[in-house]
Amino acid sequence: MMGAMARPLRIEMADGVYHVTSRGLERREIVRDDADRARWLDLLGEVASRRQWRVLAWALMDNHFHLFLRTPRADLSAGMHDLNSGYATRFNRRHSRVGPLLQGRFKAIIVESRYHYWELSRYVHLNPVRAGLAEKPQAYPWSSCAAYFRERDVPDWLAPEEVLCEHGRTVRAARAEYAKFLAEGVASPPPSPLRQVVAATVLGSERFVERIRRWLGTRRPDREVPAARRLLGSVGVADVEAEVARAWAVPVETLRVRGTRRSPARAAALHLCRRLTREPVARLGEHFGGISAQAVCNLAARVAAERRTSRRLDARMAAIEEALRLKCRM
């Protein structure tokens, strides 16, 4: 079914900057003690060193972790596979367990270079404070925060100076400003900088988002990936189903059931999919209960005719179309 095809959009570029998160399966713990935490950190260092990643900030929590990093080569997925699968293998072996440890694929947001570096690093470093694991981010031992204020014992793969250099003429001055910035975040928790993310995938200026959109357009991404549809401005079948189900207050699944041709919601979904999506008619028929392409066209035409005679129906359909247009610009 089309609804089961959705998966994260991967944008991998040389010298790409990313905020990456990965969670435990069903939000379960991915570390049980400091030995596990040390193993994860050792493996992060191995992967980052081997791939020459520059990690700007990191935080390991009990059931998830955050990475803020720059990849000189377009190898984020390969490196994350090394990290996640390698750690899961070590964790399972140590705790005599089997099965997946992490929940599906990692989530990655590509970030414009130098765009809100302080805000993003603070967001990562404040995670332990928000979770009640530390009163100050510098006191939490399983993040990069303390290293921001150290002269020595900073691993080669960690690059706090790339964040600190945004403020202060000297490293000492920048550290003082960053400490003040963290304290302000503890005293008055700021909104997440990720609230500005476009299509759950891109964080940056309008010019940067447009650059990613053009880059993505040359690579013909799978339009069943929701983020790809939103970035490229096209509507998908799942988008239409969600809005129609909301407007008619029915479960999405009922829209796909054959034998309910007279259902106004199902007819509306078929009409809008025919009108707004790029799916072939035959594939729409398969999705909506295995009906023929001709049946899809007939239903779509019937709704179009009803819209011309019913102001109420036309207004409802127009509201759905507007919601879909807004969704694809998010």
Protein backbone atom coordinates (compact mmCIF):
# COMPACT_ATOMS: atom_id res chain seq x y z
CA MET A 1 0.00 0.00 0.00
CA MET A 2 1.20 3.56 -0.66
CA GLY A 3 0.74 4.56 2.94
CA ALA A 4 3.43 2.10 4.04
CA MET A 5 6.12 3.47 1.72
CA ALA A 6 7.02 6.62 3.65
CA ARG A 7 10.60 6.82 4.83
CA PRO A 8 13.08 9.54 5.77
CA LEU A 9 14.54 11.73 3.05
CA ARG A 10 18.32 11.48 2.84
CA ILE A 11 20.22 14.54 1.62
CA GLU A 12 23.92 13.74 1.58
CA MET A 13 26.40 16.37 0.44
CA ALA A 14 30.12 16.84 0.70
CA ASP A 15 30.86 19.23 3.57
CA GLY A 16 27.29 18.83 4.78
CA VAL A 17 26.31 19.95 8.28
CA TYR A 18 23.68 17.86 10.08
CA HIS A 19 21.70 17.52 13.26
CA VAL A 20 21.19 13.77 13.74
CA THR A 21 19.09 11.87 16.26
CA SER A 22 18.60 8.17 16.84
CA ARG A 23 16.27 6.60 19.41
CA GLY A 24 15.92 3.27 21.10
CA LEU A 25 13.29 0.88 19.81
CA GLU A 26 9.95 1.80 21.42
CA ARG A 27 11.89 4.54 23.27
CA ARG A 28 13.66 1.92 25.37
CA GLU A 29 17.08 2.51 26.91
CA ILE A 30 20.08 2.17 24.64
CA VAL A 31 22.55 2.35 27.56
CA ARG A 32 22.32 0.63 30.93
CA ASP A 33 25.46 1.87 32.66
CA ASP A 34 28.61 3.94 32.16
CA ALA A 35 30.36 1.02 30.49
CA ASP A 36 27.78 1.13 27.71
CA ARG A 37 28.16 4.89 27.48
CA ALA A 38 31.93 4.59 27.19
CA ARG A 39 31.56 1.98 24.45
CA TRP A 40 29.23 4.22 22.47
CA LEU A 41 31.59 7.18 22.82
CA ASP A 42 34.59 5.08 21.79
CA LEU A 43 32.73 3.92 18.70
CA LEU A 44 31.66 7.47 17.83
CA GLY A 45 35.31 8.49 18.00
CA GLU A 46 36.35 5.58 15.77
CA VAL A 47 33.73 6.36 13.14
CA ALA A 48 34.35 10.11 13.22
CA SER A 49 38.11 9.66 12.96
CA ARG A 50 37.90 7.12 10.16
CA ARG A 51 35.54 9.26 8.13
CA GLN A 52 37.14 12.58 9.14
CA TRP A 53 33.87 13.88 10.53
CA ARG A 54 34.00 17.08 12.55
CA VAL A 55 31.61 16.66 15.46
CA LEU A 56 30.43 20.07 16.65
CA ALA A 57 28.36 18.79 19.60
CA TRP A 58 26.97 15.52 20.93
CA ALA A 59 24.85 14.28 23.81
CA LEU A 60 24.14 10.70 24.79
CA MET A 61 20.92 10.22 26.74
CA ASP A 62 19.42 7.04 28.18
CA ASN A 63 17.20 6.23 25.21
CA HIS A 64 18.54 8.39 22.39
CA PHE A 65 21.46 10.51 21.27
CA HIS A 66 22.06 13.77 19.40
CA LEU A 67 24.88 14.55 17.00
CA PHE A 68 25.66 17.90 15.44
CA LEU A 69 28.39 17.34 12.88
CA ARG A 70 29.99 18.19 9.55
CA THR A 71 30.86 15.50 7.00
CA PRO A 72 33.67 16.36 4.54
CA ARG A 73 32.37 13.64 2.20
CA ALA A 74 28.80 12.63 1.39
CA ASP A 75 28.89 9.65 3.72
CA LEU A 76 26.44 10.35 6.53
CA SER A 77 24.35 7.19 6.00
CA ALA A 78 27.40 4.93 5.75
CA GLY A 79 28.91 6.41 8.89
CA MET A 80 25.67 6.23 10.85
CA HIS A 81 25.32 2.59 9.83
CA ASP A 82 28.80 1.94 11.21
CA LEU A 83 27.91 3.70 14.46
CA ASN A 84 24.43 2.32 15.05
CA SER A 85 24.91 -1.24 13.88
CA GLY A 86 28.32 -1.43 15.52
CA TYR A 87 27.01 -0.21 18.85
CA ALA A 88 23.93 -2.46 18.72
CA THR A 89 26.18 -5.48 18.13
CA ARG A 90 28.38 -4.59 21.09
CA PHE A 91 25.39 -3.85 23.31
CA ASN A 92 23.64 -7.12 22.44
CA ARG A 93 26.79 -9.15 22.98
CA ARG A 94 27.48 -7.57 26.35
CA HIS A 95 23.91 -7.96 27.61
CA SER A 96 23.20 -11.35 26.00
CA ARG A 97 20.26 -10.08 23.98
CA VAL A 98 19.12 -10.35 20.37
CA GLY A 99 17.09 -8.17 18.04
CA PRO A 100 17.14 -4.49 17.04
CA LEU A 101 18.20 -1.92 19.60
CA LEU A 102 17.50 1.32 17.73
CA GLN A 103 14.22 2.44 16.23
CA GLY A 104 14.36 2.26 12.45
CA ARG A 105 16.40 4.80 10.59
CA PHE A 106 18.14 7.76 12.15
CA LYS A 107 16.68 11.21 11.58
CA ALA A 108 18.91 13.79 9.93
CA ILE A 109 18.35 17.49 9.29
CA ILE A 110 20.75 19.24 6.93
CA VAL A 111 21.80 22.64 8.30
CA GLU A 112 23.10 25.69 6.50
CA SER A 113 26.73 26.34 7.38
CA ARG A 114 27.05 28.76 10.32
CA TYR A 115 23.25 28.92 10.64
CA HIS A 116 22.30 29.09 14.32
CA TYR A 117 25.37 27.08 15.39
CA TRP A 118 25.17 28.43 18.93
CA GLU A 119 21.46 27.73 19.21
CA LEU A 120 21.81 24.20 17.84
CA SER A 121 24.77 23.31 20.03
CA ARG A 122 22.95 24.70 23.08
CA TYR A 123 19.86 22.68 22.16
CA VAL A 124 22.02 19.55 22.16
CA HIS A 125 23.80 20.42 25.39
CA LEU A 126 20.60 21.33 27.25
CA ASN A 127 19.09 17.88 26.67
CA PRO A 128 20.38 16.47 29.99
CA VAL A 129 19.06 19.52 31.85
CA ARG A 130 15.64 19.18 30.24
CA ALA A 131 15.63 15.49 31.22
CA GLY A 132 16.56 16.26 34.83
CA LEU A 133 19.92 14.49 34.60
CA ALA A 134 22.00 17.56 35.46
CA GLU A 135 21.47 21.05 36.83
CA LYS A 136 24.05 22.52 34.47
CA PRO A 137 24.94 21.20 31.02
CA GLN A 138 28.68 21.44 31.77
CA ALA A 139 28.22 18.98 34.65
CA TYR A 140 26.79 16.19 32.50
CA PRO A 141 29.67 13.80 31.68
CA TRP A 142 28.14 12.23 28.54
CA SER A 143 28.00 15.21 26.22
CA SER A 144 30.51 17.49 24.53
CA CYS A 145 29.60 20.48 26.69
CA ALA A 146 32.46 20.22 29.20
CA ALA A 147 34.97 19.96 26.34
CA TYR A 148 33.90 23.42 25.16
CA PHE A 149 35.67 24.82 28.23
CA ARG A 150 38.79 22.63 28.27
CA GLU A 151 42.21 23.43 26.89
CA ARG A 152 43.33 19.79 26.86
CA ASP A 153 41.94 16.27 26.45
CA VAL A 154 39.67 17.28 23.57
CA PRO A 155 39.60 14.50 20.93
CA ASP A 156 40.76 15.40 17.44
CA TRP A 157 37.35 14.63 15.95
CA LEU A 158 35.53 17.08 18.24
CA ALA A 159 35.48 20.66 16.96
CA PRO A 160 34.00 23.06 19.54
CA GLU A 161 36.11 25.88 18.11
CA GLU A 162 33.94 25.88 14.97
CA VAL A 163 31.00 26.87 17.16
CA LEU A 164 32.85 29.11 19.61
CA CYS A 165 34.51 31.18 16.90
CA GLU A 166 31.17 32.80 16.07
CA HIS A 167 31.46 35.02 19.16
CA GLY A 168 34.45 36.54 20.91
CA ARG A 169 37.77 37.79 19.61
CA THR A 170 39.62 35.18 21.65
CA VAL A 171 38.82 31.62 22.69
CA ARG A 172 38.68 32.71 26.32
CA ALA A 173 36.17 35.48 25.52
CA ALA A 174 34.10 33.10 23.38
CA ARG A 175 33.98 30.53 26.18
CA ALA A 176 32.78 33.15 28.62
CA GLU A 177 30.04 34.21 26.23
CA TYR A 178 29.03 30.61 25.57
CA ALA A 179 28.84 29.87 29.31
CA LYS A 180 26.55 32.88 29.70
CA PHE A 181 24.49 31.68 26.73
CA LEU A 182 24.06 28.25 28.33
CA ALA A 183 23.10 29.76 31.68
CA GLU A 184 20.43 31.85 29.99
CA GLY A 185 19.05 28.69 28.40
CA VAL A 186 18.89 26.94 31.77
CA ALA A 187 17.20 29.89 33.47
CA SER A 188 14.71 30.49 30.67
CA PRO A 189 14.39 27.46 28.35
CA PRO A 190 14.37 28.74 24.76
CA PRO A 191 12.19 27.36 21.98
CA SER A 192 13.86 24.68 19.91
CA PRO A 193 15.78 26.01 16.90
CA LEU A 194 14.45 22.97 15.05
CA ARG A 195 11.00 24.59 14.97
CA GLN A 196 12.21 26.38 11.81
CA VAL A 197 12.98 23.16 9.96
CA VAL A 198 11.44 22.96 6.48
CA ALA A 199 9.85 19.65 5.43
CA ALA A 200 11.38 17.96 8.49
CA THR A 201 14.70 17.95 6.62
CA VAL A 202 16.28 21.39 6.02
CA LEU A 203 17.27 24.17 8.42
CA GLY A 204 18.54 27.43 7.02
CA SER A 205 17.74 30.60 5.13
CA GLU A 206 15.24 30.76 2.26
CA ARG A 207 18.18 30.85 -0.15
CA PHE A 208 19.62 27.67 1.37
CA VAL A 209 16.26 25.88 1.26
CA GLU A 210 15.90 26.83 -2.40
CA ARG A 211 19.42 25.55 -3.08
CA ILE A 212 18.53 22.19 -1.52
CA ARG A 213 15.27 22.12 -3.47
CA ARG A 214 17.14 22.63 -6.76
CA TRP A 215 19.76 20.04 -5.79
CA LEU A 216 17.05 17.56 -4.91
CA GLY A 217 15.18 18.21 -8.14
CA THR A 218 18.17 17.06 -10.21
CA ARG A 219 18.28 13.71 -8.42
CA ARG A 220 14.71 12.51 -8.94
CA PRO A 221 13.98 11.49 -5.35
CA ASP A 222 11.24 9.01 -4.54
CA ARG A 223 8.12 11.15 -4.25
CA GLU A 224 6.60 8.67 -1.82
CA VAL A 225 8.99 10.16 0.73
CA PRO A 226 6.86 12.86 2.43
CA ALA A 227 9.75 15.29 2.94
CA ALA A 228 10.67 15.07 -0.75
CA ARG A 229 7.10 15.92 -1.75
CA ARG A 230 7.03 18.92 0.58
CA LEU A 231 10.40 20.24 -0.60
CA LEU A 232 9.52 19.82 -4.26
CA GLY A 233 6.04 21.21 -3.76
CA SER A 234 4.08 18.18 -4.97
CA VAL A 235 1.13 16.51 -3.27
CA GLY A 236 1.16 12.80 -2.50
CA VAL A 237 -1.67 10.30 -2.05
CA ALA A 238 -1.00 10.04 1.69
CA ASP A 239 -1.29 13.85 1.99
CA VAL A 240 -4.68 13.84 0.28
CA GLU A 241 -5.95 10.93 2.38
CA ALA A 242 -4.93 12.63 5.62
CA GLU A 243 -6.72 15.89 4.77
CA VAL A 244 -9.87 14.19 3.48
CA ALA A 245 -10.05 11.93 6.53
CA ARG A 246 -9.72 14.99 8.76
CA ALA A 247 -12.40 16.94 6.87
CA TRP A 248 -14.93 14.07 6.95
CA ALA A 249 -13.85 12.79 10.40
CA VAL A 250 -13.32 9.22 9.18
CA PRO A 251 -10.36 6.83 9.52
CA VAL A 252 -7.92 6.95 6.62
CA GLU A 253 -8.27 3.19 6.13
CA THR A 254 -11.96 3.49 5.19
CA LEU A 255 -11.03 5.57 2.16
CA ARG A 256 -9.30 2.55 0.61
CA VAL A 257 -12.08 0.01 1.10
CA ARG A 258 -13.68 -1.27 -2.09
CA GLY A 259 -17.46 -1.42 -2.05
CA THR A 260 -17.94 2.06 -0.60
CA ARG A 261 -18.22 3.90 -3.91
CA ARG A 262 -21.04 6.03 -2.62
CA SER A 263 -18.93 7.21 0.31
CA PRO A 264 -18.54 10.99 -0.12
CA ALA A 265 -15.14 10.95 1.61
CA ARG A 266 -13.78 8.14 -0.58
CA ALA A 267 -15.08 9.83 -3.72
CA ALA A 268 -13.51 13.11 -2.61
CA ALA A 269 -10.15 11.42 -2.00
CA LEU A 270 -10.21 9.83 -5.46
CA HIS A 271 -11.16 13.13 -7.08
CA LEU A 272 -8.37 15.05 -5.34
CA CYS A 273 -5.77 12.35 -6.00
CA ARG A 274 -6.71 12.42 -9.67
CA ARG A 275 -6.59 16.22 -9.69
CA LEU A 276 -3.53 16.97 -7.54
CA THR A 277 -1.13 14.03 -7.48
CA ARG A 278 1.15 12.60 -10.14
CA GLU A 279 0.09 9.01 -9.56
CA PRO A 280 -1.05 7.06 -12.66
CA VAL A 281 -4.74 6.29 -12.73
CA ALA A 282 -4.11 2.54 -12.71
CA ARG A 283 -2.02 2.81 -9.57
CA LEU A 284 -4.71 4.90 -7.88
CA GLY A 285 -7.20 2.17 -8.69
CA GLU A 286 -4.95 -0.45 -7.07
CA HIS A 287 -4.52 1.69 -3.99
CA PHE A 288 -8.21 2.43 -3.55
CA GLY A 289 -9.35 -1.15 -3.23
CA GLY A 290 -8.33 -2.60 -6.57
CA ILE A 291 -10.86 -0.83 -8.78
CA SER A 292 -10.34 -0.22 -12.50
CA ALA A 293 -8.76 2.88 -13.97
CA GLN A 294 -12.08 3.66 -15.61
CA ALA A 295 -13.84 3.52 -12.23
CA VAL A 296 -11.34 6.02 -10.84
CA CYS A 297 -12.02 8.40 -13.74
CA ASN A 298 -15.77 7.99 -13.39
CA LEU A 299 -15.74 8.74 -9.65
CA ALA A 300 -13.43 11.73 -10.12
CA ALA A 301 -15.69 13.12 -12.85
CA ARG A 302 -18.79 12.62 -10.71
CA VAL A 303 -17.31 14.64 -7.85
CA ALA A 304 -16.18 17.37 -10.26
CA ALA A 305 -19.77 17.63 -11.52
CA GLU A 306 -21.15 17.72 -7.96
CA ARG A 307 -18.75 20.52 -7.06
CA ARG A 308 -20.24 22.66 -9.82
CA THR A 309 -23.73 22.33 -8.35
CA SER A 310 -23.01 22.26 -4.60
CA ARG A 311 -21.42 25.32 -3.04
CA ARG A 312 -21.05 23.49 0.26
CA LEU A 313 -19.13 20.60 -1.29
CA ASP A 314 -17.01 22.94 -3.41
CA ALA A 315 -16.09 25.02 -0.36
CA ARG A 316 -15.10 21.91 1.59
CA MET A 317 -12.97 20.63 -1.30
CA ALA A 318 -11.38 24.05 -1.82
CA ALA A 319 -10.44 24.18 1.87
CA ILE A 320 -8.76 20.78 1.55
CA GLU A 321 -6.86 21.90 -1.55
CA GLU A 322 -5.64 25.03 0.26
CA ALA A 323 -4.51 22.95 3.25
CA LEU A 324 -2.56 20.70 0.89
CA ARG A 325 -0.91 23.67 -0.82
CA LEU A 326 0.16 25.08 2.54
CA LYS A 327 1.43 21.68 3.65
CA CYS A 328 3.64 21.37 0.61
CA ARG A 329 5.22 24.76 1.34
CA MET A 330 6.05 23.89 4.96
